[in-house]
Amino acid sequence: MRIEEEVFLEDYGLRRKRFVYDRRVHHSYVFVAGNETYTVIIGSLVEEMTFSRIGYEMPAGVPFPVNGMAEVYFDVFDGMGNLADFRHVRFEGLGSAVVLQSVSLALIAHNEIFHIGGFVFQAASGGVVDMGRRITLEEIYDYMLGLKNEPRYNKKTGLLKKAPRPLISEDLQAYKTVTEGRANYVVLH
């Protein structure tokens, strides 16, 4: 896979690489958190037919944006050769907040540069994905996107935890559809 462009986005502290994969333009945003290097890969989805073929759905009554969508993948960076082999990243404590904030910054940077209609991504749920997690991956995304705001309690003390703050701005709207073993998320302007 050939990198067509590589730019350092000083305002965000991210390195962006442009490449073509599966006949779609992709951008990889690389960052370091703790002792790991991560990448957020954002693939262009300019046609609704490609969007649907991959398995995504627009929310009922919401048209596909004229300026397209972007599909988001996130993983520990181990080279550009394994794009189809994304694992479920595990991290503990404050490191998770730093990583998720960096992912959010990559999405903000991408939107500011390319002015897309929204983002779409999938989260596997249940089974191996959630094994050993205190909160499921699907719940994490629901809280991050403001789709869930139920009170949470500390299991040891029984005390109420601080309400999670959504990581998306108020001008964005998140939607979720659940299919067999996957939660599909669409975030629109």
Protein backbone atom coordinates (compact mmCIF):
# COMPACT_ATOMS: atom_id res chain seq x y z
CA MET A 1 0.00 0.00 0.00
CA ARG A 2 1.46 3.31 -1.06
CA ILE A 3 1.21 6.42 1.13
CA GLU A 4 0.23 9.29 -1.20
CA GLU A 5 0.59 12.10 1.31
CA GLU A 6 1.94 12.52 4.84
CA VAL A 7 1.31 15.67 6.88
CA PHE A 8 1.86 16.61 10.52
CA LEU A 9 -1.15 18.49 11.91
CA GLU A 10 0.57 20.70 14.43
CA ASP A 11 -2.67 22.07 15.95
CA TYR A 12 -3.76 18.53 16.84
CA GLY A 13 -0.46 16.76 17.48
CA LEU A 14 -1.41 14.10 14.92
CA ARG A 15 0.28 12.73 11.81
CA ARG A 16 -2.09 12.20 8.85
CA LYS A 17 -1.33 9.82 6.00
CA ARG A 18 -3.40 9.52 2.82
CA PHE A 19 -3.69 6.24 0.92
CA VAL A 20 -6.09 4.32 -1.31
CA TYR A 21 -7.42 0.97 -0.15
CA ASP A 22 -10.32 -0.99 -1.67
CA ARG A 23 -10.70 1.80 -4.28
CA ARG A 24 -11.56 4.32 -1.53
CA VAL A 25 -9.47 7.20 -0.20
CA HIS A 26 -8.43 6.68 3.42
CA HIS A 27 -6.64 8.87 5.91
CA SER A 28 -4.72 7.48 8.86
CA TYR A 29 -4.22 9.68 11.93
CA VAL A 30 -1.36 8.35 14.05
CA PHE A 31 -0.78 9.34 17.68
CA VAL A 32 1.01 8.07 20.78
CA ALA A 33 -0.62 7.58 24.18
CA GLY A 34 1.28 5.97 27.02
CA ASN A 35 3.66 3.45 25.51
CA GLU A 36 1.46 2.60 22.51
CA THR A 37 1.11 4.03 19.03
CA TYR A 38 -2.49 4.14 17.79
CA THR A 39 -4.14 4.88 14.48
CA VAL A 40 -7.56 6.15 13.53
CA ILE A 41 -8.30 5.27 9.93
CA ILE A 42 -11.05 7.20 8.20
CA GLY A 43 -12.29 5.87 4.86
CA SER A 44 -14.36 7.97 2.49
CA LEU A 45 -17.90 6.86 1.73
CA VAL A 46 -19.06 9.21 -1.00
CA GLU A 47 -21.75 6.93 -2.44
CA GLU A 48 -24.76 5.64 -0.55
CA MET A 49 -24.53 2.34 -2.45
CA THR A 50 -21.05 1.66 -1.00
CA PHE A 51 -22.27 2.76 2.43
CA SER A 52 -25.14 0.24 2.26
CA ARG A 53 -23.03 -2.55 0.73
CA ILE A 54 -20.70 -2.42 3.75
CA GLY A 55 -23.74 -2.91 6.00
CA TYR A 56 -24.53 0.56 7.30
CA GLU A 57 -27.97 2.13 7.41
CA MET A 58 -29.05 5.74 7.63
CA PRO A 59 -31.54 6.51 10.41
CA ALA A 60 -35.19 6.37 9.30
CA GLY A 61 -36.18 9.52 7.44
CA VAL A 62 -32.62 10.89 7.27
CA PRO A 63 -31.12 11.20 3.77
CA PHE A 64 -27.53 10.25 2.94
CA PRO A 65 -25.47 13.49 3.13
CA VAL A 66 -24.62 15.16 -0.18
CA ASN A 67 -21.00 15.59 0.94
CA GLY A 68 -20.72 11.91 1.92
CA MET A 69 -19.77 10.07 5.07
CA ALA A 70 -16.57 8.67 6.54
CA GLU A 71 -16.10 5.19 7.99
CA VAL A 72 -13.95 5.10 11.14
CA TYR A 73 -11.63 2.31 12.33
CA PHE A 74 -9.45 2.52 15.42
CA ASP A 75 -6.62 0.25 16.59
CA VAL A 76 -3.13 -0.07 18.00
CA PHE A 77 -0.79 0.78 15.12
CA ASP A 78 1.34 -2.15 14.00
CA GLY A 79 2.00 -1.18 10.39
CA MET A 80 -0.28 -0.50 7.45
CA GLY A 81 -0.42 -4.08 6.16
CA ASN A 82 -3.22 -5.36 8.41
CA LEU A 83 -6.15 -3.06 7.70
CA ALA A 84 -8.70 -5.87 7.76
CA ASP A 85 -7.43 -7.23 11.10
CA PHE A 86 -8.62 -4.65 13.62
CA ARG A 87 -8.62 -5.94 17.18
CA HIS A 88 -10.51 -4.72 20.20
CA VAL A 89 -8.19 -2.35 22.04
CA ARG A 90 -8.07 -2.72 25.81
CA PHE A 91 -6.74 -0.02 28.09
CA GLU A 92 -7.19 0.76 31.76
CA GLY A 93 -7.59 3.88 33.87
CA LEU A 94 -6.76 7.38 32.68
CA GLY A 95 -4.97 6.05 29.58
CA SER A 96 -8.36 5.23 28.08
CA ALA A 97 -9.49 8.85 28.41
CA VAL A 98 -6.33 10.10 26.66
CA VAL A 99 -6.77 7.60 23.82
CA LEU A 100 -10.47 8.36 23.32
CA GLN A 101 -9.80 12.10 23.41
CA SER A 102 -7.11 11.66 20.72
CA VAL A 103 -9.54 9.64 18.59
CA SER A 104 -12.07 12.45 19.00
CA LEU A 105 -9.42 15.02 17.96
CA ALA A 106 -8.66 12.99 14.82
CA LEU A 107 -12.35 13.05 13.88
CA ILE A 108 -12.59 16.79 14.52
CA ALA A 109 -9.45 17.43 12.44
CA HIS A 110 -10.77 15.28 9.58
CA ASN A 111 -14.11 17.05 9.55
CA GLU A 112 -12.54 20.53 9.66
CA ILE A 113 -10.31 19.69 6.68
CA PHE A 114 -12.69 17.64 4.50
CA HIS A 115 -16.19 18.91 5.53
CA ILE A 116 -17.91 15.54 5.41
CA GLY A 117 -21.57 14.93 6.23
CA GLY A 118 -20.82 12.63 9.15
CA PHE A 119 -19.07 9.56 10.51
CA VAL A 120 -20.08 5.95 10.74
CA PHE A 121 -18.55 3.05 12.66
CA GLN A 122 -19.40 -0.34 14.09
CA ALA A 123 -18.85 -1.78 17.54
CA ALA A 124 -18.92 -5.51 18.09
CA SER A 125 -20.81 -6.49 21.21
CA GLY A 126 -21.02 -9.43 23.58
CA GLY A 127 -18.84 -12.52 23.86
CA VAL A 128 -15.07 -12.16 23.57
CA VAL A 129 -15.29 -8.41 22.92
CA ASP A 130 -16.70 -7.64 26.37
CA MET A 131 -14.91 -10.34 28.34
CA GLY A 132 -13.07 -8.76 31.27
CA ARG A 133 -14.57 -5.30 30.73
CA ARG A 134 -16.38 -3.51 33.54
CA ILE A 135 -18.57 -1.78 30.97
CA THR A 136 -19.36 -3.13 27.51
CA LEU A 137 -17.82 -1.56 24.41
CA GLU A 138 -21.31 -0.74 23.18
CA GLU A 139 -22.11 1.11 26.42
CA ILE A 140 -18.84 3.06 26.19
CA TYR A 141 -19.80 4.30 22.73
CA ASP A 142 -23.37 5.02 23.84
CA TYR A 143 -22.09 7.24 26.66
CA MET A 144 -19.44 8.89 24.45
CA LEU A 145 -22.04 9.84 21.86
CA GLY A 146 -24.63 11.04 24.37
CA LEU A 147 -27.03 8.19 23.52
CA LYS A 148 -27.03 6.98 27.11
CA ASN A 149 -26.87 9.05 30.26
CA GLU A 150 -28.13 6.72 32.98
CA PRO A 151 -26.51 7.08 36.39
CA ARG A 152 -23.64 4.70 37.10
CA TYR A 153 -22.51 3.49 40.51
CA ASN A 154 -19.14 2.42 41.88
CA LYS A 155 -19.40 -1.34 42.53
CA LYS A 156 -17.13 -1.19 45.59
CA THR A 157 -18.60 1.84 47.37
CA GLY A 158 -22.10 2.02 45.93
CA LEU A 159 -21.63 5.75 45.43
CA LEU A 160 -22.88 7.54 42.35
CA LYS A 161 -20.20 8.12 39.71
CA LYS A 162 -19.83 11.39 37.86
CA ALA A 163 -22.01 11.44 34.74
CA PRO A 164 -19.99 10.71 31.59
CA ARG A 165 -19.57 13.72 29.30
CA PRO A 166 -20.36 13.08 25.63
CA LEU A 167 -17.32 13.53 23.38
CA ILE A 168 -19.24 15.03 20.48
CA SER A 169 -20.29 18.64 20.12
CA GLU A 170 -23.91 19.73 20.45
CA ASP A 171 -24.20 20.43 16.71
CA LEU A 172 -23.76 16.70 15.96
CA GLN A 173 -26.49 14.09 16.23
CA ALA A 174 -25.71 10.43 16.94
CA TYR A 175 -27.89 7.47 15.94
CA LYS A 176 -27.55 3.76 16.64
CA THR A 177 -28.96 0.66 14.99
CA VAL A 178 -28.29 -2.85 16.26
CA THR A 179 -27.88 -5.78 13.92
CA GLU A 180 -26.68 -9.32 14.58
CA GLY A 181 -23.73 -8.97 16.98
CA ARG A 182 -22.96 -5.36 16.00
CA ALA A 183 -24.00 -1.88 16.97
CA ASN A 184 -23.83 0.55 14.03
CA TYR A 185 -23.36 4.23 14.80
CA VAL A 186 -24.03 7.19 12.52
CA VAL A 187 -22.96 10.69 13.64
CA LEU A 188 -24.30 13.54 11.46
CA HIS A 189 -24.09 17.33 11.28
